[in-house]
């Protein structure tokens, strides 16, 4: 056993000296989808992927597609990737409000990071409250982590003019009140402001929180829009999550 493997908390699940029963109990179900017992006991770091994206969370749904590249980066760096869901947050979809969901996502992440055999975690971020919830959870458990932003969506246009996500809603309300547009045009104007995957592209909460994560040295590239991740690099730079 190397010095690094002795420090890994996952060894407390998968290689417990003098307790083969507990070791076997922890190992056996993790081998039913392709990971060998030998790999789990090899000292390779177990890196979680906190998945915030889903069909319920369109602002972060890009991570459903990005996760394959995240896994590739973890494997290339010598780690074992384990993806898991967290409580969803979608600002515009949750009734009556998503105001409390940051805490629910934070708590769900803390429970996973504390209670499961994870040595580090990749935090998928994007929509407003997902970024602080992810960072707070990793900080609470004091586990090595990096944040990965899905990036802002591309610019939308309406009648040849830029229609920034979020802010266009306020402009559309003014136009509707002034009789410049009708109800159907109002809906179409707001919908046209969302031409691609990604979170809000105006300098609102989502962009601000992701920029702060980058400033705090969580290797989260907040500025590039979603296409930078999906059409350029063949895999994502996840190696720091394994080396931390």
C-alpha atoms as a PDB file:
ATOM      1  CA  UNK A   1       0.000   0.000   0.000  1.00  0.00           C
ATOM      2  CA  UNK A   2       1.439   3.374  -0.988  1.00  0.00           C
ATOM      3  CA  UNK A   3       1.623   6.460   1.214  1.00  0.00           C
ATOM      4  CA  UNK A   4      -1.072   8.082  -0.933  1.00  0.00           C
ATOM      5  CA  UNK A   5      -3.474   5.145  -0.657  1.00  0.00           C
ATOM      6  CA  UNK A   6      -3.180   5.153   3.141  1.00  0.00           C
ATOM      7  CA  UNK A   7      -4.435   8.739   3.168  1.00  0.00           C
ATOM      8  CA  UNK A   8      -7.468   8.043   1.005  1.00  0.00           C
ATOM      9  CA  UNK A   9     -10.700   7.936   2.973  1.00  0.00           C
ATOM     10  CA  UNK A  10     -12.189   5.418   0.530  1.00  0.00           C
ATOM     11  CA  UNK A  11      -9.799   2.825   1.985  1.00  0.00           C
ATOM     12  CA  UNK A  12     -11.978   2.895   5.101  1.00  0.00           C
ATOM     13  CA  UNK A  13     -14.677   1.246   2.980  1.00  0.00           C
ATOM     14  CA  UNK A  14     -12.752  -0.932   0.545  1.00  0.00           C
ATOM     15  CA  UNK A  15      -9.702  -2.134   2.473  1.00  0.00           C
ATOM     16  CA  UNK A  16     -10.373  -2.416   6.205  1.00  0.00           C
ATOM     17  CA  UNK A  17      -7.521  -4.257   7.954  1.00  0.00           C
ATOM     18  CA  UNK A  18      -8.773  -7.160  10.049  1.00  0.00           C
ATOM     19  CA  UNK A  19     -12.391  -6.820   8.929  1.00  0.00           C
ATOM     20  CA  UNK A  20     -12.939  -8.768   5.719  1.00  0.00           C
ATOM     21  CA  UNK A  21     -16.699  -8.907   6.350  1.00  0.00           C
ATOM     22  CA  UNK A  22     -17.137  -5.116   6.303  1.00  0.00           C
ATOM     23  CA  UNK A  23     -14.712  -4.781   3.384  1.00  0.00           C
ATOM     24  CA  UNK A  24     -16.618  -7.356   1.341  1.00  0.00           C
ATOM     25  CA  UNK A  25     -19.974  -5.791   2.200  1.00  0.00           C
ATOM     26  CA  UNK A  26     -18.845  -2.390   0.936  1.00  0.00           C
ATOM     27  CA  UNK A  27     -17.181  -3.785  -2.177  1.00  0.00           C
ATOM     28  CA  UNK A  28     -19.700  -6.282  -3.515  1.00  0.00           C
ATOM     29  CA  UNK A  29     -22.404  -3.979  -4.905  1.00  0.00           C
ATOM     30  CA  UNK A  30     -19.883  -1.633  -6.493  1.00  0.00           C
ATOM     31  CA  UNK A  31     -18.698  -4.501  -8.671  1.00  0.00           C
ATOM     32  CA  UNK A  32     -22.074  -5.038 -10.374  1.00  0.00           C
ATOM     33  CA  UNK A  33     -21.546  -2.370 -13.051  1.00  0.00           C
ATOM     34  CA  UNK A  34     -18.026  -3.043 -14.243  1.00  0.00           C
ATOM     35  CA  UNK A  35     -15.594  -2.029 -11.465  1.00  0.00           C
ATOM     36  CA  UNK A  36     -13.507  -4.924 -10.187  1.00  0.00           C
ATOM     37  CA  UNK A  37     -12.826  -5.614  -6.514  1.00  0.00           C
ATOM     38  CA  UNK A  38      -9.117  -5.404  -7.305  1.00  0.00           C
ATOM     39  CA  UNK A  39      -9.556  -1.915  -8.757  1.00  0.00           C
ATOM     40  CA  UNK A  40     -11.516  -0.729  -5.728  1.00  0.00           C
ATOM     41  CA  UNK A  41      -8.734  -2.040  -3.453  1.00  0.00           C
ATOM     42  CA  UNK A  42      -5.882  -0.760  -5.630  1.00  0.00           C
ATOM     43  CA  UNK A  43      -5.524   2.589  -3.906  1.00  0.00           C
ATOM     44  CA  UNK A  44      -6.921   4.510  -6.889  1.00  0.00           C
ATOM     45  CA  UNK A  45      -8.764   7.613  -5.660  1.00  0.00           C
ATOM     46  CA  UNK A  46     -12.553   7.501  -5.888  1.00  0.00           C
ATOM     47  CA  UNK A  47     -13.744  10.769  -7.432  1.00  0.00           C
ATOM     48  CA  UNK A  48     -17.402  11.672  -7.231  1.00  0.00           C
ATOM     49  CA  UNK A  49     -19.238  13.662  -9.872  1.00  0.00           C
ATOM     50  CA  UNK A  50     -21.987  15.737  -8.253  1.00  0.00           C
ATOM     51  CA  UNK A  51     -24.543  15.876 -11.059  1.00  0.00           C
ATOM     52  CA  UNK A  52     -26.776  18.958 -10.902  1.00  0.00           C
ATOM     53  CA  UNK A  53     -28.056  18.616 -14.454  1.00  0.00           C
ATOM     54  CA  UNK A  54     -31.277  16.878 -15.471  1.00  0.00           C
ATOM     55  CA  UNK A  55     -34.366  17.459 -17.566  1.00  0.00           C
ATOM     56  CA  UNK A  56     -35.809  19.344 -14.587  1.00  0.00           C
ATOM     57  CA  UNK A  57     -32.781  21.658 -14.552  1.00  0.00           C
ATOM     58  CA  UNK A  58     -32.265  22.883 -18.139  1.00  0.00           C
ATOM     59  CA  UNK A  59     -29.719  25.524 -17.106  1.00  0.00           C
ATOM     60  CA  UNK A  60     -27.391  22.725 -15.967  1.00  0.00           C
ATOM     61  CA  UNK A  61     -28.535  20.009 -18.338  1.00  0.00           C
ATOM     62  CA  UNK A  62     -25.363  20.408 -20.412  1.00  0.00           C
ATOM     63  CA  UNK A  63     -23.596  18.426 -17.674  1.00  0.00           C
ATOM     64  CA  UNK A  64     -25.630  15.355 -18.624  1.00  0.00           C
ATOM     65  CA  UNK A  65     -23.670  15.437 -21.892  1.00  0.00           C
ATOM     66  CA  UNK A  66     -20.383  16.622 -20.388  1.00  0.00           C
ATOM     67  CA  UNK A  67     -20.223  13.840 -17.812  1.00  0.00           C
ATOM     68  CA  UNK A  68     -18.688  11.394 -20.287  1.00  0.00           C
ATOM     69  CA  UNK A  69     -15.707  13.703 -20.737  1.00  0.00           C
ATOM     70  CA  UNK A  70     -15.480  14.286 -17.007  1.00  0.00           C
ATOM     71  CA  UNK A  71     -15.271  10.506 -16.538  1.00  0.00           C
ATOM     72  CA  UNK A  72     -12.575  10.279 -19.229  1.00  0.00           C
ATOM     73  CA  UNK A  73     -10.496  12.912 -17.445  1.00  0.00           C
ATOM     74  CA  UNK A  74     -10.798  11.128 -14.092  1.00  0.00           C
ATOM     75  CA  UNK A  75      -9.826   7.757 -15.588  1.00  0.00           C
ATOM     76  CA  UNK A  76      -6.881   9.227 -17.471  1.00  0.00           C
ATOM     77  CA  UNK A  77      -5.567  10.691 -14.219  1.00  0.00           C
ATOM     78  CA  UNK A  78      -5.787   7.291 -12.513  1.00  0.00           C
ATOM     79  CA  UNK A  79      -9.030   7.727 -10.589  1.00  0.00           C
ATOM     80  CA  UNK A  80     -12.363   5.915 -10.430  1.00  0.00           C
ATOM     81  CA  UNK A  81     -15.410   8.015 -11.303  1.00  0.00           C
ATOM     82  CA  UNK A  82     -18.707   7.664  -9.431  1.00  0.00           C
ATOM     83  CA  UNK A  83     -21.535   9.940 -10.558  1.00  0.00           C
ATOM     84  CA  UNK A  84     -24.432  10.792  -8.236  1.00  0.00           C
ATOM     85  CA  UNK A  85     -27.458  13.153  -8.357  1.00  0.00           C
ATOM     86  CA  UNK A  86     -28.147  15.989  -5.963  1.00  0.00           C
ATOM     87  CA  UNK A  87     -31.327  17.895  -5.139  1.00  0.00           C
ATOM     88  CA  UNK A  88     -32.405  19.832  -8.287  1.00  0.00           C
ATOM     89  CA  UNK A  89     -32.585  23.613  -8.496  1.00  0.00           C
ATOM     90  CA  UNK A  90     -34.236  25.460 -11.378  1.00  0.00           C
ATOM     91  CA  UNK A  91     -35.045  29.087 -10.632  1.00  0.00           C
ATOM     92  CA  UNK A  92     -37.790  29.526 -13.212  1.00  0.00           C
ATOM     93  CA  UNK A  93     -39.374  26.098 -12.796  1.00  0.00           C
ATOM     94  CA  UNK A  94     -39.846  25.651  -9.046  1.00  0.00           C
ATOM     95  CA  UNK A  95     -43.094  26.722  -7.376  1.00  0.00           C
ATOM     96  CA  UNK A  96     -43.684  28.616  -5.229  1.00  0.00           C
ATOM     97  CA  UNK A  97     -39.982  29.547  -5.104  1.00  0.00           C
ATOM     98  CA  UNK A  98     -36.502  28.058  -5.335  1.00  0.00           C
ATOM     99  CA  UNK A  99     -35.368  30.269  -2.451  1.00  0.00           C
ATOM    100  CA  UNK A 100     -34.850  27.361  -0.037  1.00  0.00           C
ATOM    101  CA  UNK A 101     -33.460  24.895  -2.542  1.00  0.00           C
ATOM    102  CA  UNK A 102     -29.874  26.057  -2.181  1.00  0.00           C
ATOM    103  CA  UNK A 103     -29.931  24.696   1.365  1.00  0.00           C
ATOM    104  CA  UNK A 104     -31.599  21.465   0.270  1.00  0.00           C
ATOM    105  CA  UNK A 105     -28.983  20.907  -2.426  1.00  0.00           C
ATOM    106  CA  UNK A 106     -26.219  21.775   0.030  1.00  0.00           C
ATOM    107  CA  UNK A 107     -27.553  19.315   2.607  1.00  0.00           C
ATOM    108  CA  UNK A 108     -27.985  16.523   0.058  1.00  0.00           C
ATOM    109  CA  UNK A 109     -24.396  17.030  -1.119  1.00  0.00           C
ATOM    110  CA  UNK A 110     -23.013  17.056   2.422  1.00  0.00           C
ATOM    111  CA  UNK A 111     -24.750  13.757   3.188  1.00  0.00           C
ATOM    112  CA  UNK A 112     -23.304  12.115   0.068  1.00  0.00           C
ATOM    113  CA  UNK A 113     -19.767  13.427   0.529  1.00  0.00           C
ATOM    114  CA  UNK A 114     -19.688  12.492   4.208  1.00  0.00           C
ATOM    115  CA  UNK A 115     -21.388   9.111   4.036  1.00  0.00           C
ATOM    116  CA  UNK A 116     -19.934   7.529   0.887  1.00  0.00           C
ATOM    117  CA  UNK A 117     -16.417   6.380  -0.135  1.00  0.00           C
ATOM    118  CA  UNK A 118     -15.324   9.493  -2.010  1.00  0.00           C
ATOM    119  CA  UNK A 119     -11.802  10.957  -1.967  1.00  0.00           C
ATOM    120  CA  UNK A 120     -12.602  14.008  -4.077  1.00  0.00           C
ATOM    121  CA  UNK A 121     -15.434  15.474  -6.094  1.00  0.00           C
ATOM    122  CA  UNK A 122     -16.125  17.345  -9.320  1.00  0.00           C
ATOM    123  CA  UNK A 123     -18.890  19.878  -8.698  1.00  0.00           C
ATOM    124  CA  UNK A 124     -21.042  20.602 -11.749  1.00  0.00           C
ATOM    125  CA  UNK A 125     -22.301  24.178 -11.536  1.00  0.00           C
ATOM    126  CA  UNK A 126     -24.314  26.654 -13.561  1.00  0.00           C
ATOM    127  CA  UNK A 127     -27.718  27.915 -12.433  1.00  0.00           C
ATOM    128  CA  UNK A 128     -27.819  30.570  -9.701  1.00  0.00           C
ATOM    129  CA  UNK A 129     -27.845  28.634  -6.425  1.00  0.00           C
ATOM    130  CA  UNK A 130     -26.099  25.472  -7.598  1.00  0.00           C
ATOM    131  CA  UNK A 131     -22.655  27.059  -7.393  1.00  0.00           C
ATOM    132  CA  UNK A 132     -22.802  28.255  -3.752  1.00  0.00           C
ATOM    133  CA  UNK A 133     -24.591  25.040  -2.720  1.00  0.00           C
ATOM    134  CA  UNK A 134     -21.851  22.917  -4.283  1.00  0.00           C
ATOM    135  CA  UNK A 135     -18.969  24.948  -2.849  1.00  0.00           C
ATOM    136  CA  UNK A 136     -20.549  25.082   0.617  1.00  0.00           C
ATOM    137  CA  UNK A 137     -21.042  21.315   0.644  1.00  0.00           C
ATOM    138  CA  UNK A 138     -17.467  20.518  -0.321  1.00  0.00           C
ATOM    139  CA  UNK A 139     -16.137  23.037   2.201  1.00  0.00           C
ATOM    140  CA  UNK A 140     -18.271  21.614   5.014  1.00  0.00           C
ATOM    141  CA  UNK A 141     -16.988  18.078   4.496  1.00  0.00           C
ATOM    142  CA  UNK A 142     -13.477  19.409   3.741  1.00  0.00           C
ATOM    143  CA  UNK A 143     -13.022  17.189   0.714  1.00  0.00           C
ATOM    144  CA  UNK A 144     -10.822  17.996  -2.316  1.00  0.00           C
ATOM    145  CA  UNK A 145     -13.046  19.503  -5.004  1.00  0.00           C
ATOM    146  CA  UNK A 146     -13.057  21.416  -8.242  1.00  0.00           C
ATOM    147  CA  UNK A 147     -16.014  23.205  -9.808  1.00  0.00           C
ATOM    148  CA  UNK A 148     -16.955  22.863 -13.454  1.00  0.00           C
ATOM    149  CA  UNK A 149     -19.339  25.404 -14.956  1.00  0.00           C
ATOM    150  CA  UNK A 150     -21.442  24.416 -17.937  1.00  0.00           C
ATOM    151  CA  UNK A 151     -21.085  27.991 -19.165  1.00  0.00           C
ATOM    152  CA  UNK A 152     -23.589  30.651 -20.199  1.00  0.00           C
ATOM    153  CA  UNK A 153     -25.914  30.117 -23.127  1.00  0.00           C
ATOM    154  CA  UNK A 154     -25.352  31.860 -26.441  1.00  0.00           C
ATOM    155  CA  UNK A 155     -26.962  35.219 -27.195  1.00  0.00           C
ATOM    156  CA  UNK A 156     -30.505  35.271 -28.438  1.00  0.00           C
ATOM    157  CA  UNK A 157     -31.966  37.740 -30.928  1.00  0.00           C
ATOM    158  CA  UNK A 158     -35.392  39.220 -31.487  1.00  0.00           C
ATOM    159  CA  UNK A 159     -36.153  41.400 -34.493  1.00  0.00           C
ATOM    160  CA  UNK A 160     -32.420  41.645 -35.153  1.00  0.00           C
ATOM    161  CA  UNK A 161     -31.542  42.890 -31.668  1.00  0.00           C
ATOM    162  CA  UNK A 162     -29.772  41.120 -28.825  1.00  0.00           C
ATOM    163  CA  UNK A 163     -32.179  39.493 -26.375  1.00  0.00           C
ATOM    164  CA  UNK A 164     -30.195  38.727 -23.239  1.00  0.00           C
ATOM    165  CA  UNK A 165     -31.630  36.001 -21.035  1.00  0.00           C
ATOM    166  CA  UNK A 166     -33.450  37.248 -17.955  1.00  0.00           C
ATOM    167  CA  UNK A 167     -33.222  40.964 -18.693  1.00  0.00           C
ATOM    168  CA  UNK A 168     -35.298  40.562 -21.848  1.00  0.00           C
ATOM    169  CA  UNK A 169     -38.216  39.571 -19.625  1.00  0.00           C
ATOM    170  CA  UNK A 170     -38.321  43.042 -18.097  1.00  0.00           C
ATOM    171  CA  UNK A 171     -38.088  44.655 -21.533  1.00  0.00           C
ATOM    172  CA  UNK A 172     -40.862  42.422 -22.835  1.00  0.00           C
ATOM    173  CA  UNK A 173     -43.128  43.439 -19.952  1.00  0.00           C
ATOM    174  CA  UNK A 174     -42.635  47.084 -20.852  1.00  0.00           C
ATOM    175  CA  UNK A 175     -43.428  46.411 -24.521  1.00  0.00           C
ATOM    176  CA  UNK A 176     -46.553  44.479 -23.548  1.00  0.00           C
ATOM    177  CA  UNK A 177     -47.735  47.225 -21.213  1.00  0.00           C
ATOM    178  CA  UNK A 178     -47.186  49.832 -23.927  1.00  0.00           C
ATOM    179  CA  UNK A 179     -49.132  47.810 -26.485  1.00  0.00           C
ATOM    180  CA  UNK A 180     -46.071  47.248 -28.696  1.00  0.00           C
ATOM    181  CA  UNK A 181     -46.548  43.455 -28.581  1.00  0.00           C
ATOM    182  CA  UNK A 182     -49.412  41.083 -27.778  1.00  0.00           C
ATOM    183  CA  UNK A 183     -49.418  38.079 -25.437  1.00  0.00           C
ATOM    184  CA  UNK A 184     -48.148  35.611 -28.031  1.00  0.00           C
ATOM    185  CA  UNK A 185     -45.361  37.953 -29.115  1.00  0.00           C
ATOM    186  CA  UNK A 186     -44.421  38.387 -25.465  1.00  0.00           C
ATOM    187  CA  UNK A 187     -44.023  34.636 -25.033  1.00  0.00           C
ATOM    188  CA  UNK A 188     -42.073  34.298 -28.275  1.00  0.00           C
ATOM    189  CA  UNK A 189     -39.759  37.181 -27.395  1.00  0.00           C
ATOM    190  CA  UNK A 190     -38.818  35.637 -24.059  1.00  0.00           C
ATOM    191  CA  UNK A 191     -38.428  32.162 -25.614  1.00  0.00           C
ATOM    192  CA  UNK A 192     -36.123  33.548 -28.327  1.00  0.00           C
ATOM    193  CA  UNK A 193     -33.692  34.632 -25.600  1.00  0.00           C
ATOM    194  CA  UNK A 194     -32.801  30.973 -24.952  1.00  0.00           C
ATOM    195  CA  UNK A 195     -31.162  29.678 -28.147  1.00  0.00           C
ATOM    196  CA  UNK A 196     -28.805  27.087 -26.616  1.00  0.00           C
ATOM    197  CA  UNK A 197     -27.964  25.092 -23.502  1.00  0.00           C
ATOM    198  CA  UNK A 198     -26.315  26.921 -20.627  1.00  0.00           C
ATOM    199  CA  UNK A 199     -27.217  29.256 -17.795  1.00  0.00           C
ATOM    200  CA  UNK A 200     -28.195  32.952 -18.051  1.00  0.00           C
ATOM    201  CA  UNK A 201     -25.766  34.897 -20.206  1.00  0.00           C
ATOM    202  CA  UNK A 202     -26.374  38.275 -18.585  1.00  0.00           C
ATOM    203  CA  UNK A 203     -24.408  39.375 -15.515  1.00  0.00           C
ATOM    204  CA  UNK A 204     -26.934  38.033 -13.050  1.00  0.00           C
ATOM    205  CA  UNK A 205     -26.625  35.571 -10.182  1.00  0.00           C
ATOM    206  CA  UNK A 206     -25.515  32.564 -12.243  1.00  0.00           C
ATOM    207  CA  UNK A 207     -22.656  34.325 -14.014  1.00  0.00           C
ATOM    208  CA  UNK A 208     -21.641  36.149 -10.847  1.00  0.00           C
ATOM    209  CA  UNK A 209     -21.503  32.985  -8.719  1.00  0.00           C
ATOM    210  CA  UNK A 210     -19.515  31.083 -11.350  1.00  0.00           C
ATOM    211  CA  UNK A 211     -17.114  34.002 -11.726  1.00  0.00           C
ATOM    212  CA  UNK A 212     -16.588  34.044  -7.959  1.00  0.00           C
ATOM    213  CA  UNK A 213     -15.869  30.311  -8.003  1.00  0.00           C
ATOM    214  CA  UNK A 214     -13.190  30.924 -10.628  1.00  0.00           C
ATOM    215  CA  UNK A 215     -11.765  33.820  -8.620  1.00  0.00           C
ATOM    216  CA  UNK A 216     -11.586  31.576  -5.542  1.00  0.00           C
ATOM    217  CA  UNK A 217      -9.242  29.231  -7.445  1.00  0.00           C
ATOM    218  CA  UNK A 218     -11.777  26.454  -7.951  1.00  0.00           C
ATOM    219  CA  UNK A 219     -10.738  25.646 -11.526  1.00  0.00           C
ATOM    220  CA  UNK A 220     -14.122  26.711 -12.862  1.00  0.00           C
ATOM    221  CA  UNK A 221     -13.918  28.490 -16.210  1.00  0.00           C
ATOM    222  CA  UNK A 222     -16.937  30.726 -15.906  1.00  0.00           C
ATOM    223  CA  UNK A 223     -16.655  32.869 -19.042  1.00  0.00           C
ATOM    224  CA  UNK A 224     -16.655  30.532 -22.075  1.00  0.00           C
ATOM    225  CA  UNK A 225     -20.164  29.738 -23.343  1.00  0.00           C
ATOM    226  CA  UNK A 226     -21.324  26.142 -23.476  1.00  0.00           C
ATOM    227  CA  UNK A 227     -19.971  25.506 -26.985  1.00  0.00           C
ATOM    228  CA  UNK A 228     -16.407  25.952 -25.741  1.00  0.00           C
ATOM    229  CA  UNK A 229     -16.810  22.758 -23.710  1.00  0.00           C
ATOM    230  CA  UNK A 230     -18.891  20.707 -26.100  1.00  0.00           C
ATOM    231  CA  UNK A 231     -17.164  21.340 -29.429  1.00  0.00           C
ATOM    232  CA  UNK A 232     -13.507  21.960 -28.619  1.00  0.00           C
ATOM    233  CA  UNK A 233     -11.438  19.967 -26.141  1.00  0.00           C
ATOM    234  CA  UNK A 234     -11.748  16.182 -26.502  1.00  0.00           C
ATOM    235  CA  UNK A 235     -11.811  15.775 -22.713  1.00  0.00           C
ATOM    236  CA  UNK A 236     -12.087  18.045 -19.711  1.00  0.00           C
ATOM    237  CA  UNK A 237      -9.141  18.984 -17.429  1.00  0.00           C
ATOM    238  CA  UNK A 238     -10.219  16.973 -14.386  1.00  0.00           C
ATOM    239  CA  UNK A 239      -6.725  15.834 -13.337  1.00  0.00           C
ATOM    240  CA  UNK A 240      -6.554  18.315 -10.402  1.00  0.00           C
ATOM    241  CA  UNK A 241      -9.508  16.563  -8.765  1.00  0.00           C
ATOM    242  CA  UNK A 242      -7.516  13.328  -8.656  1.00  0.00           C
ATOM    243  CA  UNK A 243      -4.233  14.915  -7.565  1.00  0.00           C
ATOM    244  CA  UNK A 244      -5.594  17.124  -4.761  1.00  0.00           C
END
